[in-house]
Structures are given as structure tokens and as C-alpha cells.
Amino acid sequence: MMNGFNHGWGMGFGWIIGLIVLIAFIWFISKNINQNNQSESKSALDILKERYAKGEISKKEYQEKAEDIV
């Protein structure tokens, strides 16, 4: 006869699974937020190199602006 107190392993350790899922979710969100912040914080020289590589500015413009930055 069951009196409602004998729920097996799930009752004793079920909260641990929920805690692990919660920690994993928080870790995943914080990792994505940090990754987005890092991609936005490029240096001016990095942006200049990207513009030159894309062909948006000429070699002369690149050299002039690079000298101003450094």
C-alpha cells in the first residue's frame, strides 16, 4: 500500500536535474551576451583593415588613416 511518501529516486534527486538545466541556461545566455559584446568592441585599426579588405577605401587612404590611428 502506498501512502504518498514513497516516490523513489525522482523525488529526492529531481531538483538537481532542474538546477543543472537552470545553470546551463544561464551559462548559455551569458556566453552569448559576452560574445556579442566582444564582436562590437573592435579596434579602429581592425575596422580600417576590414574596410580596406572589402575595397571600400584605397591603399593610400588606408595608409593615411592607419598613420593617424597609430
PDB file of N, CA and C in Angstrom:
ATOM      1  N   MET A   1       0.837  -1.169   0.000  1.00  0.00           N
ATOM      2  CA  MET A   1       0.000   0.000   0.000  1.00  0.00           C
ATOM      3  C   MET A   1       0.894   1.249   0.000  1.00  0.00           C
ATOM      4  N   MET A   2       0.602   2.173  -0.881  1.00  0.00           N
ATOM      5  CA  MET A   2       1.378   3.411  -0.971  1.00  0.00           C
ATOM      6  C   MET A   2       0.642   4.509  -0.211  1.00  0.00           C
ATOM      7  N   ASN A   3       1.386   5.229   0.580  1.00  0.00           N
ATOM      8  CA  ASN A   3       0.786   6.303   1.359  1.00  0.00           C
ATOM      9  C   ASN A   3       1.170   7.691   0.844  1.00  0.00           C
ATOM     10  N   GLY A   4       1.825   7.772  -0.337  1.00  0.00           N
ATOM     11  CA  GLY A   4       2.154   9.063  -0.916  1.00  0.00           C
ATOM     12  C   GLY A   4       3.546   9.558  -0.604  1.00  0.00           C
ATOM     13  N   PHE A   5       4.275   8.859   0.264  1.00  0.00           N
ATOM     14  CA  PHE A   5       5.621   9.291   0.628  1.00  0.00           C
ATOM     15  C   PHE A   5       6.706   8.538  -0.126  1.00  0.00           C
ATOM     16  N   ASN A   6       6.385   7.487  -0.795  1.00  0.00           N
ATOM     17  CA  ASN A   6       7.371   6.658  -1.472  1.00  0.00           C
ATOM     18  C   ASN A   6       7.356   6.972  -2.968  1.00  0.00           C
ATOM     19  N   HIS A   7       8.110   7.982  -3.385  1.00  0.00           N
ATOM     20  CA  HIS A   7       8.150   8.388  -4.791  1.00  0.00           C
ATOM     21  C   HIS A   7       9.430   7.963  -5.482  1.00  0.00           C
ATOM     22  N   GLY A   8      10.293   7.286  -4.841  1.00  0.00           N
ATOM     23  CA  GLY A   8      11.511   6.774  -5.462  1.00  0.00           C
ATOM     24  C   GLY A   8      12.578   7.840  -5.648  1.00  0.00           C
ATOM     25  N   TRP A   9      13.459   7.617  -6.608  1.00  0.00           N
ATOM     26  CA  TRP A   9      14.611   8.497  -6.841  1.00  0.00           C
ATOM     27  C   TRP A   9      14.209   9.878  -7.348  1.00  0.00           C
ATOM     28  N   GLY A  10      13.149   9.947  -8.108  1.00  0.00           N
ATOM     29  CA  GLY A  10      12.742  11.215  -8.704  1.00  0.00           C
ATOM     30  C   GLY A  10      12.463  12.291  -7.687  1.00  0.00           C
ATOM     31  N   MET A  11      11.889  11.937  -6.590  1.00  0.00           N
ATOM     32  CA  MET A  11      11.547  12.929  -5.586  1.00  0.00           C
ATOM     33  C   MET A  11      12.790  13.450  -4.867  1.00  0.00           C
ATOM     34  N   GLY A  12      13.755  12.595  -4.663  1.00  0.00           N
ATOM     35  CA  GLY A  12      14.936  13.013  -3.931  1.00  0.00           C
ATOM     36  C   GLY A  12      15.942  13.773  -4.770  1.00  0.00           C
ATOM     37  N   PHE A  13      16.091  13.392  -6.035  1.00  0.00           N
ATOM     38  CA  PHE A  13      17.130  13.988  -6.871  1.00  0.00           C
ATOM     39  C   PHE A  13      16.582  14.749  -8.085  1.00  0.00           C
ATOM     40  N   GLY A  14      15.303  14.852  -8.220  1.00  0.00           N
ATOM     41  CA  GLY A  14      14.702  15.556  -9.358  1.00  0.00           C
ATOM     42  C   GLY A  14      15.057  17.029  -9.400  1.00  0.00           C
ATOM     43  N   TRP A  15      15.197  17.640  -8.248  1.00  0.00           N
ATOM     44  CA  TRP A  15      15.523  19.067  -8.192  1.00  0.00           C
ATOM     45  C   TRP A  15      16.931  19.329  -8.699  1.00  0.00           C
ATOM     46  N   ILE A  16      17.819  18.332  -8.598  1.00  0.00           N
ATOM     47  CA  ILE A  16      19.191  18.508  -9.083  1.00  0.00           C
ATOM     48  C   ILE A  16      19.191  18.667 -10.600  1.00  0.00           C
ATOM     49  N   ILE A  17      18.363  17.893 -11.279  1.00  0.00           N
ATOM     50  CA  ILE A  17      18.269  17.995 -12.738  1.00  0.00           C
ATOM     51  C   ILE A  17      17.768  19.386 -13.129  1.00  0.00           C
ATOM     52  N   GLY A  18      16.762  19.876 -12.428  1.00  0.00           N
ATOM     53  CA  GLY A  18      16.255  21.219 -12.694  1.00  0.00           C
ATOM     54  C   GLY A  18      17.308  22.288 -12.462  1.00  0.00           C
ATOM     55  N   LEU A  19      18.087  22.107 -11.416  1.00  0.00           N
ATOM     56  CA  LEU A  19      19.160  23.056 -11.107  1.00  0.00           C
ATOM     57  C   LEU A  19      20.236  23.039 -12.192  1.00  0.00           C
ATOM     58  N   ILE A  20      20.586  21.860 -12.658  1.00  0.00           N
ATOM     59  CA  ILE A  20      21.589  21.744 -13.730  1.00  0.00           C
ATOM     60  C   ILE A  20      21.084  22.408 -15.008  1.00  0.00           C
ATOM     61  N   VAL A  21      19.824  22.188 -15.338  1.00  0.00           N
ATOM     62  CA  VAL A  21      19.247  22.820 -16.532  1.00  0.00           C
ATOM     63  C   VAL A  21      19.244  24.340 -16.383  1.00  0.00           C
ATOM     64  N   LEU A  22      18.898  24.828 -15.216  1.00  0.00           N
ATOM     65  CA  LEU A  22      18.881  26.274 -14.979  1.00  0.00           C
ATOM     66  C   LEU A  22      20.276  26.878 -15.100  1.00  0.00           C
ATOM     67  N   ILE A  23      21.271  26.222 -14.519  1.00  0.00           N
ATOM     68  CA  ILE A  23      22.650  26.708 -14.604  1.00  0.00           C
ATOM     69  C   ILE A  23      23.137  26.698 -16.047  1.00  0.00           C
ATOM     70  N   ALA A  24      22.818  25.628 -16.793  1.00  0.00           N
ATOM     71  CA  ALA A  24      23.218  25.554 -18.202  1.00  0.00           C
ATOM     72  C   ALA A  24      22.570  26.672 -19.013  1.00  0.00           C
ATOM     73  N   PHE A  25      21.309  26.963 -18.729  1.00  0.00           N
ATOM     74  CA  PHE A  25      20.602  28.023 -19.443  1.00  0.00           C
ATOM     75  C   PHE A  25      21.238  29.387 -19.162  1.00  0.00           C
ATOM     76  N   ILE A  26      21.535  29.663 -17.904  1.00  0.00           N
ATOM     77  CA  ILE A  26      22.164  30.938 -17.535  1.00  0.00           C
ATOM     78  C   ILE A  26      23.547  31.051 -18.165  1.00  0.00           C
ATOM     79  N   TRP A  27      24.310  29.961 -18.154  1.00  0.00           N
ATOM     80  CA  TRP A  27      25.644  29.966 -18.769  1.00  0.00           C
ATOM     81  C   TRP A  27      25.546  30.242 -20.260  1.00  0.00           C
ATOM     82  N   PHE A  28      24.592  29.598 -20.942  1.00  0.00           N
ATOM     83  CA  PHE A  28      24.421  29.782 -22.383  1.00  0.00           C
ATOM     84  C   PHE A  28      24.074  31.228 -22.717  1.00  0.00           C
ATOM     85  N   ILE A  29      23.164  31.817 -21.970  1.00  0.00           N
ATOM     86  CA  ILE A  29      22.765  33.211 -22.203  1.00  0.00           C
ATOM     87  C   ILE A  29      23.940  34.150 -21.962  1.00  0.00           C
ATOM     88  N   SER A  30      24.672  33.964 -20.860  1.00  0.00           N
ATOM     89  CA  SER A  30      25.794  34.860 -20.567  1.00  0.00           C
ATOM     90  C   SER A  30      26.907  34.715 -21.598  1.00  0.00           C
ATOM     91  N   LYS A  31      27.122  33.517 -22.102  1.00  0.00           N
ATOM     92  CA  LYS A  31      28.143  33.308 -23.127  1.00  0.00           C
ATOM     93  C   LYS A  31      27.775  34.057 -24.409  1.00  0.00           C
ATOM     94  N   ASN A  32      26.508  34.002 -24.796  1.00  0.00           N
ATOM     95  CA  ASN A  32      26.074  34.705 -26.000  1.00  0.00           C
ATOM     96  C   ASN A  32      26.135  36.215 -25.833  1.00  0.00           C
ATOM     97  N   ILE A  33      25.816  36.712 -24.663  1.00  0.00           N
ATOM     98  CA  ILE A  33      25.887  38.150 -24.415  1.00  0.00           C
ATOM     99  C   ILE A  33      27.338  38.613 -24.489  1.00  0.00           C
ATOM    100  N   ASN A  34      28.251  37.876 -23.878  1.00  0.00           N
ATOM    101  CA  ASN A  34      29.666  38.236 -23.914  1.00  0.00           C
ATOM    102  C   ASN A  34      30.219  38.163 -25.324  1.00  0.00           C
ATOM    103  N   GLN A  35      29.789  37.190 -26.097  1.00  0.00           N
ATOM    104  CA  GLN A  35      30.261  37.051 -27.469  1.00  0.00           C
ATOM    105  C   GLN A  35      29.794  38.232 -28.318  1.00  0.00           C
ATOM    106  N   ASN A  36      28.568  38.682 -28.107  1.00  0.00           N
ATOM    107  CA  ASN A  36      28.060  39.835 -28.848  1.00  0.00           C
ATOM    108  C   ASN A  36      28.811  41.099 -28.463  1.00  0.00           C
ATOM    109  N   ASN A  37      29.137  41.266 -27.206  1.00  0.00           N
ATOM    110  CA  ASN A  37      29.875  42.452 -26.763  1.00  0.00           C
ATOM    111  C   ASN A  37      31.287  42.466 -27.331  1.00  0.00           C
ATOM    112  N   GLN A  38      31.918  41.320 -27.439  1.00  0.00           N
ATOM    113  CA  GLN A  38      33.275  41.252 -27.971  1.00  0.00           C
ATOM    114  C   GLN A  38      33.301  41.588 -29.454  1.00  0.00           C
ATOM    115  N   SER A  39      32.296  41.172 -30.193  1.00  0.00           N
ATOM    116  CA  SER A  39      32.293  41.455 -31.620  1.00  0.00           C
ATOM    117  C   SER A  39      32.061  42.938 -31.894  1.00  0.00           C
ATOM    118  N   GLU A  40      31.415  43.641 -30.967  1.00  0.00           N
ATOM    119  CA  GLU A  40      31.154  45.065 -31.144  1.00  0.00           C
ATOM    120  C   GLU A  40      32.343  45.923 -30.733  1.00  0.00           C
ATOM    121  N   SER A  41      33.277  45.385 -29.994  1.00  0.00           N
ATOM    122  CA  SER A  41      34.379  46.187 -29.487  1.00  0.00           C
ATOM    123  C   SER A  41      35.654  45.971 -30.313  1.00  0.00           C
ATOM    124  N   LYS A  42      35.549  46.173 -31.604  1.00  0.00           N
ATOM    125  CA  LYS A  42      36.719  46.075 -32.477  1.00  0.00           C
ATOM    126  C   LYS A  42      37.510  47.364 -32.384  1.00  0.00           C
ATOM    127  N   SER A  43      38.797  47.250 -32.572  1.00  0.00           N
ATOM    128  CA  SER A  43      39.622  48.444 -32.547  1.00  0.00           C
ATOM    129  C   SER A  43      39.459  49.201 -33.865  1.00  0.00           C
ATOM    130  N   ALA A  44      39.855  50.440 -33.846  1.00  0.00           N
ATOM    131  CA  ALA A  44      39.742  51.266 -35.046  1.00  0.00           C
ATOM    132  C   ALA A  44      40.602  50.708 -36.175  1.00  0.00           C
ATOM    133  N   LEU A  45      41.757  50.165 -35.831  1.00  0.00           N
ATOM    134  CA  LEU A  45      42.632  49.594 -36.845  1.00  0.00           C
ATOM    135  C   LEU A  45      42.014  48.338 -37.470  1.00  0.00           C
ATOM    136  N   ASP A  46      41.334  47.539 -36.662  1.00  0.00           N
ATOM    137  CA  ASP A  46      40.652  46.353 -37.196  1.00  0.00           C
ATOM    138  C   ASP A  46      39.559  46.746 -38.189  1.00  0.00           C
ATOM    139  N   ILE A  47      38.806  47.762 -37.836  1.00  0.00           N
ATOM    140  CA  ILE A  47      37.744  48.241 -38.732  1.00  0.00           C
ATOM    141  C   ILE A  47      38.350  48.780 -40.018  1.00  0.00           C
ATOM    142  N   LEU A  48      39.452  49.512 -39.895  1.00  0.00           N
ATOM    143  CA  LEU A  48      40.131  50.058 -41.065  1.00  0.00           C
ATOM    144  C   LEU A  48      40.630  48.934 -41.975  1.00  0.00           C
ATOM    145  N   LYS A  49      41.211  47.888 -41.383  1.00  0.00           N
ATOM    146  CA  LYS A  49      41.685  46.743 -42.168  1.00  0.00           C
ATOM    147  C   LYS A  49      40.532  46.061 -42.894  1.00  0.00           C
ATOM    148  N   GLU A  50      39.398  45.921 -42.226  1.00  0.00           N
ATOM    149  CA  GLU A  50      38.228  45.308 -42.864  1.00  0.00           C
ATOM    150  C   GLU A  50      37.737  46.146 -44.043  1.00  0.00           C
ATOM    151  N   ARG A  51      37.706  47.464 -43.863  1.00  0.00           N
ATOM    152  CA  ARG A  51      37.255  48.341 -44.952  1.00  0.00           C
ATOM    153  C   ARG A  51      38.195  48.255 -46.145  1.00  0.00           C
ATOM    154  N   TYR A  52      39.494  48.168 -45.872  1.00  0.00           N
ATOM    155  CA  TYR A  52      40.468  48.040 -46.954  1.00  0.00           C
ATOM    156  C   TYR A  52      40.321  46.693 -47.658  1.00  0.00           C
ATOM    157  N   ALA A  53      40.121  45.638 -46.886  1.00  0.00           N
ATOM    158  CA  ALA A  53      39.964  44.306 -47.461  1.00  0.00           C
ATOM    159  C   ALA A  53      38.701  44.205 -48.315  1.00  0.00           C
ATOM    160  N   LYS A  54      37.665  44.933 -47.942  1.00  0.00           N
ATOM    161  CA  LYS A  54      36.418  44.921 -48.711  1.00  0.00           C
ATOM    162  C   LYS A  54      36.506  45.814 -49.951  1.00  0.00           C
ATOM    163  N   GLY A  55      37.537  46.636 -50.016  1.00  0.00           N
ATOM    164  CA  GLY A  55      37.687  47.530 -51.156  1.00  0.00           C
ATOM    165  C   GLY A  55      36.953  48.842 -50.999  1.00  0.00           C
ATOM    166  N   GLU A  56      36.536  49.162 -49.800  1.00  0.00           N
ATOM    167  CA  GLU A  56      35.806  50.398 -49.551  1.00  0.00           C
ATOM    168  C   GLU A  56      36.722  51.619 -49.588  1.00  0.00           C
ATOM    169  N   ILE A  57      38.000  51.427 -49.277  1.00  0.00           N
ATOM    170  CA  ILE A  57      38.958  52.530 -49.298  1.00  0.00           C
ATOM    171  C   ILE A  57      40.192  52.095 -50.086  1.00  0.00           C
ATOM    172  N   SER A  58      40.896  53.073 -50.601  1.00  0.00           N
ATOM    173  CA  SER A  58      42.097  52.778 -51.388  1.00  0.00           C
ATOM    174  C   SER A  58      43.291  52.530 -50.476  1.00  0.00           C
ATOM    175  N   LYS A  59      44.390  52.086 -51.083  1.00  0.00           N
ATOM    176  CA  LYS A  59      45.606  51.828 -50.309  1.00  0.00           C
ATOM    177  C   LYS A  59      46.135  53.119 -49.692  1.00  0.00           C
ATOM    178  N   LYS A  60      46.056  54.202 -50.460  1.00  0.00           N
ATOM    179  CA  LYS A  60      46.526  55.497 -49.967  1.00  0.00           C
ATOM    180  C   LYS A  60      45.705  55.946 -48.756  1.00  0.00           C
ATOM    181  N   GLU A  61      44.376  55.823 -48.865  1.00  0.00           N
ATOM    182  CA  GLU A  61      43.513  56.180 -47.742  1.00  0.00           C
ATOM    183  C   GLU A  61      43.812  55.311 -46.521  1.00  0.00           C
ATOM    184  N   TYR A  62      44.022  54.026 -46.767  1.00  0.00           N
ATOM    185  CA  TYR A  62      44.325  53.101 -45.674  1.00  0.00           C
ATOM    186  C   TYR A  62      45.595  53.527 -44.942  1.00  0.00           C
ATOM    187  N   GLN A  63      46.639  53.826 -45.711  1.00  0.00           N
ATOM    188  CA  GLN A  63      47.916  54.199 -45.100  1.00  0.00           C
ATOM    189  C   GLN A  63      47.810  55.505 -44.319  1.00  0.00           C
ATOM    190  N   GLU A  64      47.089  56.478 -44.874  1.00  0.00           N
ATOM    191  CA  GLU A  64      46.926  57.767 -44.195  1.00  0.00           C
ATOM    192  C   GLU A  64      46.169  57.594 -42.872  1.00  0.00           C
ATOM    193  N   LYS A  65      45.086  56.847 -42.933  1.00  0.00           N
ATOM    194  CA  LYS A  65      44.268  56.663 -41.741  1.00  0.00           C
ATOM    195  C   LYS A  65      44.989  55.799 -40.702  1.00  0.00           C
ATOM    196  N   ALA A  66      45.745  54.810 -41.163  1.00  0.00           N
ATOM    197  CA  ALA A  66      46.494  53.949 -40.245  1.00  0.00           C
ATOM    198  C   ALA A  66      47.549  54.767 -39.493  1.00  0.00           C
ATOM    199  N   GLU A  67      48.199  55.710 -40.189  1.00  0.00           N
ATOM    200  CA  GLU A  67      49.179  56.573 -39.527  1.00  0.00           C
ATOM    201  C   GLU A  67      48.517  57.458 -38.487  1.00  0.00           C
ATOM    202  N   ASP A  68      47.301  57.924 -38.772  1.00  0.00           N
ATOM    203  CA  ASP A  68      46.579  58.750 -37.806  1.00  0.00           C
ATOM    204  C   ASP A  68      46.196  57.962 -36.565  1.00  0.00           C
ATOM    205  N   ILE A  69      45.847  56.709 -36.766  1.00  0.00           N
ATOM    206  CA  ILE A  69      45.408  55.877 -35.640  1.00  0.00           C
ATOM    207  C   ILE A  69      46.589  55.532 -34.746  1.00  0.00           C
ATOM    208  N   VAL A  70      47.686  55.135 -35.365  1.00  0.00           N
ATOM    209  CA  VAL A  70      48.869  54.708 -34.594  1.00  0.00           C
ATOM    210  C   VAL A  70      49.595  55.932 -34.160  1.00  0.00           C
TER     211      VAL A  70
END
